[in-house]
């Protein structure tokens, strides 16, 4: 009678097989994306490096599954005892075929070369975070049941996926700018989202504002000149009052001369 796999190990095998299936799926997807990344050497090299990491991760997962008494299967199944060998092999083949079919489909996405790469990077980033989730789950489960070897393996692979995710996150803004340069006319890229009609209307409103200000300044000058002209006659009146003083002086002179005659 075959020895039954302990429940602890069976659950670890389940989680490890889920990660293994994802890594095998991405091997095929990465190969298709590498063929499309002809115009960006740094991006293509990073994909090639990560493809090697992905293959090494799959081998590491397979090795650990065997150590726990299981069989590596590129399917999301609970464990080796649940499905027969024929069923698991057929499902694995179907999963690989689906992954292979995604390559030509991805080649048709986007309206230009830059947008095709941008969509590929978005898909790769989505896959990286799924893998990170797989390894976080494996690491936490392994720690909870005291399996330090599995926890160490999951932690190492998680860090590799996090580095790839960081690279893709930095690449996305560059590809977004490349899409804008490739597909949007330069005249439309310089408007900061505002239409030419808005710009023209604002330019038309400026002369009206300036002409109004000039008219108001002209009116204020006219009113000030009127005020000045009205205040000038007051000075002429003051000049008319001056002869009164001269008359008083002549009358006092006449009085003095009359007194002089009387005394003589």
C-alpha atoms as a PDB file:
ATOM      1  CA  UNK A   1       0.000   0.000   0.000  1.00  0.00           C
ATOM      2  CA  UNK A   2       1.424   3.361  -1.022  1.00  0.00           C
ATOM      3  CA  UNK A   3       2.265   5.735   1.779  1.00  0.00           C
ATOM      4  CA  UNK A   4      -0.116   8.704   1.912  1.00  0.00           C
ATOM      5  CA  UNK A   5       1.364  12.207   1.759  1.00  0.00           C
ATOM      6  CA  UNK A   6       0.921  14.111   5.038  1.00  0.00           C
ATOM      7  CA  UNK A   7      -1.736  16.833   4.967  1.00  0.00           C
ATOM      8  CA  UNK A   8       0.856  19.525   5.625  1.00  0.00           C
ATOM      9  CA  UNK A   9       3.011  18.480   2.690  1.00  0.00           C
ATOM     10  CA  UNK A  10      -0.001  17.986   0.407  1.00  0.00           C
ATOM     11  CA  UNK A  11      -1.082  21.581   0.993  1.00  0.00           C
ATOM     12  CA  UNK A  12       2.445  22.851   0.338  1.00  0.00           C
ATOM     13  CA  UNK A  13       2.580  20.775  -2.858  1.00  0.00           C
ATOM     14  CA  UNK A  14      -0.704  22.333  -3.961  1.00  0.00           C
ATOM     15  CA  UNK A  15       0.639  25.881  -3.563  1.00  0.00           C
ATOM     16  CA  UNK A  16       3.991  24.992  -5.118  1.00  0.00           C
ATOM     17  CA  UNK A  17       2.255  23.439  -8.119  1.00  0.00           C
ATOM     18  CA  UNK A  18       0.195  26.596  -8.624  1.00  0.00           C
ATOM     19  CA  UNK A  19       3.416  28.617  -8.766  1.00  0.00           C
ATOM     20  CA  UNK A  20       5.044  25.985 -10.984  1.00  0.00           C
ATOM     21  CA  UNK A  21       2.176  26.113 -13.476  1.00  0.00           C
ATOM     22  CA  UNK A  22       2.410  29.905 -13.665  1.00  0.00           C
ATOM     23  CA  UNK A  23       6.154  29.794 -14.287  1.00  0.00           C
ATOM     24  CA  UNK A  24       5.759  27.270 -17.105  1.00  0.00           C
ATOM     25  CA  UNK A  25       3.030  29.428 -18.659  1.00  0.00           C
ATOM     26  CA  UNK A  26       5.247  32.511 -18.548  1.00  0.00           C
ATOM     27  CA  UNK A  27       8.162  30.720 -20.184  1.00  0.00           C
ATOM     28  CA  UNK A  28       6.129  30.578 -23.382  1.00  0.00           C
ATOM     29  CA  UNK A  29       4.780  34.143 -23.037  1.00  0.00           C
ATOM     30  CA  UNK A  30       8.215  35.639 -22.414  1.00  0.00           C
ATOM     31  CA  UNK A  31       9.661  33.960 -25.491  1.00  0.00           C
ATOM     32  CA  UNK A  32       6.933  35.561 -27.617  1.00  0.00           C
ATOM     33  CA  UNK A  33       7.510  38.994 -26.073  1.00  0.00           C
ATOM     34  CA  UNK A  34      11.268  38.760 -26.598  1.00  0.00           C
ATOM     35  CA  UNK A  35      10.700  38.332 -30.337  1.00  0.00           C
ATOM     36  CA  UNK A  36       8.609  41.513 -30.388  1.00  0.00           C
ATOM     37  CA  UNK A  37      11.072  43.641 -28.376  1.00  0.00           C
ATOM     38  CA  UNK A  38      13.393  44.392 -31.289  1.00  0.00           C
ATOM     39  CA  UNK A  39      13.490  48.200 -30.918  1.00  0.00           C
ATOM     40  CA  UNK A  40      14.437  48.364 -27.228  1.00  0.00           C
ATOM     41  CA  UNK A  41      17.655  46.520 -26.480  1.00  0.00           C
ATOM     42  CA  UNK A  42      17.604  47.070 -22.700  1.00  0.00           C
ATOM     43  CA  UNK A  43      14.046  45.812 -22.418  1.00  0.00           C
ATOM     44  CA  UNK A  44      14.783  42.779 -24.585  1.00  0.00           C
ATOM     45  CA  UNK A  45      17.846  41.907 -22.497  1.00  0.00           C
ATOM     46  CA  UNK A  46      15.848  42.181 -19.277  1.00  0.00           C
ATOM     47  CA  UNK A  47      13.213  39.839 -20.697  1.00  0.00           C
ATOM     48  CA  UNK A  48      15.911  37.363 -21.670  1.00  0.00           C
ATOM     49  CA  UNK A  49      17.420  37.521 -18.176  1.00  0.00           C
ATOM     50  CA  UNK A  50      14.014  37.034 -16.593  1.00  0.00           C
ATOM     51  CA  UNK A  51      13.278  34.099 -18.884  1.00  0.00           C
ATOM     52  CA  UNK A  52      16.369  32.397 -17.467  1.00  0.00           C
ATOM     53  CA  UNK A  53      15.156  33.242 -13.943  1.00  0.00           C
ATOM     54  CA  UNK A  54      11.709  31.839 -14.765  1.00  0.00           C
ATOM     55  CA  UNK A  55      13.129  28.551 -16.021  1.00  0.00           C
ATOM     56  CA  UNK A  56      15.343  28.273 -12.931  1.00  0.00           C
ATOM     57  CA  UNK A  57      12.353  28.978 -10.692  1.00  0.00           C
ATOM     58  CA  UNK A  58      10.340  26.233 -12.386  1.00  0.00           C
ATOM     59  CA  UNK A  59      13.177  23.766 -11.829  1.00  0.00           C
ATOM     60  CA  UNK A  60      13.539  24.850  -8.199  1.00  0.00           C
ATOM     61  CA  UNK A  61       9.816  24.414  -7.598  1.00  0.00           C
ATOM     62  CA  UNK A  62       9.831  21.008  -9.283  1.00  0.00           C
ATOM     63  CA  UNK A  63      12.741  19.888  -7.133  1.00  0.00           C
ATOM     64  CA  UNK A  64      11.050  21.022  -3.911  1.00  0.00           C
ATOM     65  CA  UNK A  65       7.751  19.347  -4.859  1.00  0.00           C
ATOM     66  CA  UNK A  66       9.569  16.041  -5.366  1.00  0.00           C
ATOM     67  CA  UNK A  67      11.314  16.446  -1.998  1.00  0.00           C
ATOM     68  CA  UNK A  68       7.894  16.757  -0.369  1.00  0.00           C
ATOM     69  CA  UNK A  69       6.743  13.549  -2.081  1.00  0.00           C
ATOM     70  CA  UNK A  70       4.719  15.121  -4.882  1.00  0.00           C
ATOM     71  CA  UNK A  71       4.874  15.482  -8.634  1.00  0.00           C
ATOM     72  CA  UNK A  72       5.371  18.806 -10.432  1.00  0.00           C
ATOM     73  CA  UNK A  73       2.358  19.547 -12.607  1.00  0.00           C
ATOM     74  CA  UNK A  74       1.717  22.672 -14.653  1.00  0.00           C
ATOM     75  CA  UNK A  75      -1.897  22.794 -13.424  1.00  0.00           C
ATOM     76  CA  UNK A  76      -3.755  24.303 -10.481  1.00  0.00           C
ATOM     77  CA  UNK A  77      -4.668  21.034  -8.797  1.00  0.00           C
ATOM     78  CA  UNK A  78      -4.712  20.238  -5.054  1.00  0.00           C
ATOM     79  CA  UNK A  79      -2.066  17.527  -5.258  1.00  0.00           C
ATOM     80  CA  UNK A  80      -0.777  14.410  -6.993  1.00  0.00           C
ATOM     81  CA  UNK A  81      -3.373  12.135  -5.409  1.00  0.00           C
ATOM     82  CA  UNK A  82      -6.393  14.057  -6.658  1.00  0.00           C
ATOM     83  CA  UNK A  83      -5.951  13.717 -10.418  1.00  0.00           C
ATOM     84  CA  UNK A  84      -4.724  10.829 -12.438  1.00  0.00           C
ATOM     85  CA  UNK A  85      -1.542  11.064 -14.450  1.00  0.00           C
ATOM     86  CA  UNK A  86      -3.438  11.096 -17.732  1.00  0.00           C
ATOM     87  CA  UNK A  87      -5.744  13.921 -16.617  1.00  0.00           C
ATOM     88  CA  UNK A  88      -2.919  16.064 -15.286  1.00  0.00           C
ATOM     89  CA  UNK A  89      -0.836  15.551 -18.414  1.00  0.00           C
ATOM     90  CA  UNK A  90      -3.735  16.530 -20.655  1.00  0.00           C
ATOM     91  CA  UNK A  91      -4.470  19.646 -18.587  1.00  0.00           C
ATOM     92  CA  UNK A  92      -0.814  20.640 -18.604  1.00  0.00           C
ATOM     93  CA  UNK A  93      -0.695  20.315 -22.381  1.00  0.00           C
ATOM     94  CA  UNK A  94      -3.834  22.432 -22.726  1.00  0.00           C
ATOM     95  CA  UNK A  95      -2.347  25.120 -20.454  1.00  0.00           C
ATOM     96  CA  UNK A  96       0.836  25.220 -22.509  1.00  0.00           C
ATOM     97  CA  UNK A  97      -1.157  25.457 -25.742  1.00  0.00           C
ATOM     98  CA  UNK A  98      -3.143  28.402 -24.365  1.00  0.00           C
ATOM     99  CA  UNK A  99       0.063  30.169 -23.380  1.00  0.00           C
ATOM    100  CA  UNK A 100       1.521  29.583 -26.839  1.00  0.00           C
ATOM    101  CA  UNK A 101      -1.605  30.984 -28.473  1.00  0.00           C
ATOM    102  CA  UNK A 102      -1.243  34.258 -26.552  1.00  0.00           C
ATOM    103  CA  UNK A 103       1.941  35.175 -28.431  1.00  0.00           C
ATOM    104  CA  UNK A 104       0.328  35.825 -31.844  1.00  0.00           C
ATOM    105  CA  UNK A 105      -2.601  37.551 -30.160  1.00  0.00           C
ATOM    106  CA  UNK A 106      -0.274  39.909 -28.305  1.00  0.00           C
ATOM    107  CA  UNK A 107       1.448  40.714 -31.599  1.00  0.00           C
ATOM    108  CA  UNK A 108      -1.829  42.093 -32.924  1.00  0.00           C
ATOM    109  CA  UNK A 109      -2.495  44.387 -29.987  1.00  0.00           C
ATOM    110  CA  UNK A 110      -1.965  48.133 -30.365  1.00  0.00           C
ATOM    111  CA  UNK A 111      -1.916  50.493 -33.316  1.00  0.00           C
ATOM    112  CA  UNK A 112       1.851  51.017 -33.406  1.00  0.00           C
ATOM    113  CA  UNK A 113       5.138  49.453 -32.298  1.00  0.00           C
ATOM    114  CA  UNK A 114       5.350  51.469 -29.081  1.00  0.00           C
ATOM    115  CA  UNK A 115       1.804  50.619 -28.073  1.00  0.00           C
ATOM    116  CA  UNK A 116       2.358  46.908 -28.688  1.00  0.00           C
ATOM    117  CA  UNK A 117       5.309  47.013 -26.281  1.00  0.00           C
ATOM    118  CA  UNK A 118       3.318  49.034 -23.764  1.00  0.00           C
ATOM    119  CA  UNK A 119       0.505  46.459 -23.749  1.00  0.00           C
ATOM    120  CA  UNK A 120       3.033  43.640 -23.385  1.00  0.00           C
ATOM    121  CA  UNK A 121       4.647  45.359 -20.410  1.00  0.00           C
ATOM    122  CA  UNK A 122       1.243  45.860 -18.774  1.00  0.00           C
ATOM    123  CA  UNK A 123       0.542  42.132 -19.165  1.00  0.00           C
ATOM    124  CA  UNK A 124       3.985  41.216 -17.825  1.00  0.00           C
ATOM    125  CA  UNK A 125       3.523  43.469 -14.801  1.00  0.00           C
ATOM    126  CA  UNK A 126       0.147  41.876 -14.083  1.00  0.00           C
ATOM    127  CA  UNK A 127       1.774  38.425 -14.245  1.00  0.00           C
ATOM    128  CA  UNK A 128       4.629  39.500 -11.968  1.00  0.00           C
ATOM    129  CA  UNK A 129       2.229  40.572  -9.254  1.00  0.00           C
ATOM    130  CA  UNK A 130       0.340  37.283  -9.553  1.00  0.00           C
ATOM    131  CA  UNK A 131       3.636  35.457  -9.055  1.00  0.00           C
ATOM    132  CA  UNK A 132       4.516  37.683  -6.107  1.00  0.00           C
ATOM    133  CA  UNK A 133       1.149  36.747  -4.600  1.00  0.00           C
ATOM    134  CA  UNK A 134       1.905  33.049  -5.137  1.00  0.00           C
ATOM    135  CA  UNK A 135       5.251  33.258  -3.359  1.00  0.00           C
ATOM    136  CA  UNK A 136       3.934  35.371  -0.496  1.00  0.00           C
ATOM    137  CA  UNK A 137       1.259  32.714   0.088  1.00  0.00           C
ATOM    138  CA  UNK A 138       3.790  29.864  -0.093  1.00  0.00           C
ATOM    139  CA  UNK A 139       6.215  31.629   2.252  1.00  0.00           C
ATOM    140  CA  UNK A 140       3.531  32.414   4.841  1.00  0.00           C
ATOM    141  CA  UNK A 141       2.128  28.862   4.720  1.00  0.00           C
ATOM    142  CA  UNK A 142       5.579  27.313   4.983  1.00  0.00           C
ATOM    143  CA  UNK A 143       6.460  29.509   7.958  1.00  0.00           C
ATOM    144  CA  UNK A 144       3.187  28.613   9.639  1.00  0.00           C
ATOM    145  CA  UNK A 145       3.896  24.853   9.401  1.00  0.00           C
ATOM    146  CA  UNK A 146       7.623  25.085  10.140  1.00  0.00           C
ATOM    147  CA  UNK A 147       8.950  24.302   6.631  1.00  0.00           C
ATOM    148  CA  UNK A 148      11.967  26.619   6.514  1.00  0.00           C
ATOM    149  CA  UNK A 149      13.316  25.215   3.231  1.00  0.00           C
ATOM    150  CA  UNK A 150      10.128  25.969   1.307  1.00  0.00           C
ATOM    151  CA  UNK A 151       9.844  29.390   2.968  1.00  0.00           C
ATOM    152  CA  UNK A 152      13.424  30.262   1.957  1.00  0.00           C
ATOM    153  CA  UNK A 153      12.802  29.145  -1.631  1.00  0.00           C
ATOM    154  CA  UNK A 154       9.604  31.193  -1.904  1.00  0.00           C
ATOM    155  CA  UNK A 155      11.274  34.267  -0.397  1.00  0.00           C
ATOM    156  CA  UNK A 156      14.139  34.118  -2.915  1.00  0.00           C
ATOM    157  CA  UNK A 157      11.794  33.770  -5.889  1.00  0.00           C
ATOM    158  CA  UNK A 158       9.528  36.542  -4.586  1.00  0.00           C
ATOM    159  CA  UNK A 159      12.444  38.975  -4.500  1.00  0.00           C
ATOM    160  CA  UNK A 160      13.297  38.116  -8.107  1.00  0.00           C
ATOM    161  CA  UNK A 161       9.715  38.838  -9.174  1.00  0.00           C
ATOM    162  CA  UNK A 162       9.699  42.120  -7.236  1.00  0.00           C
ATOM    163  CA  UNK A 163      12.843  43.277  -9.027  1.00  0.00           C
ATOM    164  CA  UNK A 164      11.257  42.480 -12.400  1.00  0.00           C
ATOM    165  CA  UNK A 165       8.054  44.281 -11.390  1.00  0.00           C
ATOM    166  CA  UNK A 166      10.074  47.365 -10.397  1.00  0.00           C
ATOM    167  CA  UNK A 167      11.822  47.369 -13.788  1.00  0.00           C
ATOM    168  CA  UNK A 168       8.517  47.136 -15.660  1.00  0.00           C
ATOM    169  CA  UNK A 169       6.959  49.888 -13.530  1.00  0.00           C
ATOM    170  CA  UNK A 170       9.773  52.262 -14.498  1.00  0.00           C
ATOM    171  CA  UNK A 171       9.515  51.272 -18.155  1.00  0.00           C
ATOM    172  CA  UNK A 172       5.797  52.003 -18.524  1.00  0.00           C
ATOM    173  CA  UNK A 173       6.086  55.840 -18.399  1.00  0.00           C
ATOM    174  CA  UNK A 174       8.778  55.737 -21.079  1.00  0.00           C
ATOM    175  CA  UNK A 175       6.539  53.686 -23.341  1.00  0.00           C
ATOM    176  CA  UNK A 176       3.612  56.006 -22.647  1.00  0.00           C
ATOM    177  CA  UNK A 177       5.674  58.944 -23.920  1.00  0.00           C
ATOM    178  CA  UNK A 178       6.782  56.883 -26.912  1.00  0.00           C
ATOM    179  CA  UNK A 179       3.147  56.181 -27.812  1.00  0.00           C
ATOM    180  CA  UNK A 180       2.350  59.897 -27.613  1.00  0.00           C
ATOM    181  CA  UNK A 181       5.301  60.783 -29.859  1.00  0.00           C
ATOM    182  CA  UNK A 182       4.501  58.045 -32.352  1.00  0.00           C
ATOM    183  CA  UNK A 183       0.731  58.464 -32.664  1.00  0.00           C
ATOM    184  CA  UNK A 184      -0.252  62.013 -31.579  1.00  0.00           C
ATOM    185  CA  UNK A 185       0.673  65.090 -33.690  1.00  0.00           C
ATOM    186  CA  UNK A 186       3.149  67.486 -32.108  1.00  0.00           C
ATOM    187  CA  UNK A 187       0.701  70.397 -32.334  1.00  0.00           C
ATOM    188  CA  UNK A 188      -1.795  68.512 -30.177  1.00  0.00           C
ATOM    189  CA  UNK A 189       0.844  67.414 -27.676  1.00  0.00           C
ATOM    190  CA  UNK A 190       1.803  71.055 -26.926  1.00  0.00           C
ATOM    191  CA  UNK A 191      -1.658  72.239 -25.891  1.00  0.00           C
ATOM    192  CA  UNK A 192      -1.660  70.517 -22.470  1.00  0.00           C
ATOM    193  CA  UNK A 193      -5.114  69.146 -23.160  1.00  0.00           C
ATOM    194  CA  UNK A 194      -6.663  72.503 -24.157  1.00  0.00           C
ATOM    195  CA  UNK A 195      -8.101  72.900 -27.637  1.00  0.00           C
ATOM    196  CA  UNK A 196      -7.012  75.545 -30.111  1.00  0.00           C
ATOM    197  CA  UNK A 197     -10.467  77.061 -29.927  1.00  0.00           C
ATOM    198  CA  UNK A 198      -9.975  77.867 -26.255  1.00  0.00           C
ATOM    199  CA  UNK A 199      -6.595  79.425 -26.980  1.00  0.00           C
ATOM    200  CA  UNK A 200      -8.026  81.597 -29.742  1.00  0.00           C
ATOM    201  CA  UNK A 201     -10.939  82.795 -27.625  1.00  0.00           C
ATOM    202  CA  UNK A 202      -8.586  83.796 -24.834  1.00  0.00           C
ATOM    203  CA  UNK A 203      -6.386  85.710 -27.278  1.00  0.00           C
ATOM    204  CA  UNK A 204      -9.425  87.517 -28.663  1.00  0.00           C
ATOM    205  CA  UNK A 205     -10.572  88.608 -25.232  1.00  0.00           C
ATOM    206  CA  UNK A 206      -7.287  90.350 -24.461  1.00  0.00           C
ATOM    207  CA  UNK A 207      -7.608  93.270 -26.989  1.00  0.00           C
ATOM    208  CA  UNK A 208     -11.148  94.012 -25.788  1.00  0.00           C
ATOM    209  CA  UNK A 209      -9.909  94.273 -22.250  1.00  0.00           C
ATOM    210  CA  UNK A 210      -7.049  96.588 -23.197  1.00  0.00           C
ATOM    211  CA  UNK A 211      -9.289  98.860 -25.320  1.00  0.00           C
ATOM    212  CA  UNK A 212     -11.710  99.216 -22.448  1.00  0.00           C
ATOM    213  CA  UNK A 213      -8.944 100.153 -20.073  1.00  0.00           C
ATOM    214  CA  UNK A 214      -7.664 102.745 -22.548  1.00  0.00           C
ATOM    215  CA  UNK A 215     -11.132 104.247 -22.924  1.00  0.00           C
ATOM    216  CA  UNK A 216     -11.575 104.482 -19.153  1.00  0.00           C
ATOM    217  CA  UNK A 217      -8.175 106.151 -18.772  1.00  0.00           C
ATOM    218  CA  UNK A 218      -9.091 108.657 -21.517  1.00  0.00           C
ATOM    219  CA  UNK A 219     -12.326 109.496 -19.742  1.00  0.00           C
ATOM    220  CA  UNK A 220     -10.565 110.024 -16.437  1.00  0.00           C
ATOM    221  CA  UNK A 221      -8.096 112.400 -18.114  1.00  0.00           C
ATOM    222  CA  UNK A 222     -10.943 114.355 -19.676  1.00  0.00           C
ATOM    223  CA  UNK A 223     -12.748 114.705 -16.347  1.00  0.00           C
ATOM    224  CA  UNK A 224      -9.559 115.833 -14.625  1.00  0.00           C
ATOM    225  CA  UNK A 225      -8.939 118.469 -17.308  1.00  0.00           C
ATOM    226  CA  UNK A 226     -12.489 119.775 -16.855  1.00  0.00           C
ATOM    227  CA  UNK A 227     -11.975 120.050 -13.133  1.00  0.00           C
ATOM    228  CA  UNK A 228      -8.736 121.972 -13.665  1.00  0.00           C
ATOM    229  CA  UNK A 229     -10.342 124.370 -16.143  1.00  0.00           C
ATOM    230  CA  UNK A 230     -13.199 125.109 -13.721  1.00  0.00           C
ATOM    231  CA  UNK A 231     -10.852 125.884 -10.851  1.00  0.00           C
ATOM    232  CA  UNK A 232      -8.850 128.487 -12.835  1.00  0.00           C
ATOM    233  CA  UNK A 233     -11.466 131.350 -12.723  1.00  0.00           C
ATOM    234  CA  UNK A 234     -11.161 131.371  -8.949  1.00  0.00           C
ATOM    235  CA  UNK A 235      -7.660 132.751  -9.327  1.00  0.00           C
ATOM    236  CA  UNK A 236      -8.898 135.505 -11.638  1.00  0.00           C
ATOM    237  CA  UNK A 237     -11.376 136.561  -8.976  1.00  0.00           C
ATOM    238  CA  UNK A 238      -8.564 136.894  -6.477  1.00  0.00           C
ATOM    239  CA  UNK A 239      -6.756 139.185  -8.883  1.00  0.00           C
ATOM    240  CA  UNK A 240      -9.873 141.386  -9.125  1.00  0.00           C
ATOM    241  CA  UNK A 241      -9.805 141.885  -5.369  1.00  0.00           C
ATOM    242  CA  UNK A 242      -6.364 143.459  -5.510  1.00  0.00           C
ATOM    243  CA  UNK A 243      -7.586 146.929  -6.777  1.00  0.00           C
ATOM    244  CA  UNK A 244      -9.642 147.271  -3.572  1.00  0.00           C
ATOM    245  CA  UNK A 245      -6.449 147.484  -1.567  1.00  0.00           C
ATOM    246  CA  UNK A 246      -5.069 150.168  -3.891  1.00  0.00           C
ATOM    247  CA  UNK A 247      -8.277 152.198  -3.454  1.00  0.00           C
ATOM    248  CA  UNK A 248      -7.929 152.053   0.320  1.00  0.00           C
ATOM    249  CA  UNK A 249      -4.371 153.317   0.042  1.00  0.00           C
ATOM    250  CA  UNK A 250      -5.427 156.312  -2.126  1.00  0.00           C
ATOM    251  CA  UNK A 251      -8.189 157.261   0.315  1.00  0.00           C
ATOM    252  CA  UNK A 252      -5.777 157.238   3.232  1.00  0.00           C
ATOM    253  CA  UNK A 253      -3.400 159.472   1.253  1.00  0.00           C
ATOM    254  CA  UNK A 254      -6.210 161.954   0.599  1.00  0.00           C
ATOM    255  CA  UNK A 255      -7.070 162.063   4.305  1.00  0.00           C
ATOM    256  CA  UNK A 256      -3.457 162.798   5.246  1.00  0.00           C
ATOM    257  CA  UNK A 257      -3.235 165.619   2.703  1.00  0.00           C
ATOM    258  CA  UNK A 258      -6.481 167.146   4.018  1.00  0.00           C
ATOM    259  CA  UNK A 259      -5.140 167.156   7.548  1.00  0.00           C
ATOM    260  CA  UNK A 260      -1.937 168.794   6.416  1.00  0.00           C
ATOM    261  CA  UNK A 261      -3.892 171.624   4.758  1.00  0.00           C
ATOM    262  CA  UNK A 262      -5.987 172.179   7.893  1.00  0.00           C
ATOM    263  CA  UNK A 263      -3.016 172.482  10.148  1.00  0.00           C
ATOM    264  CA  UNK A 264      -1.380 174.977   7.846  1.00  0.00           C
END
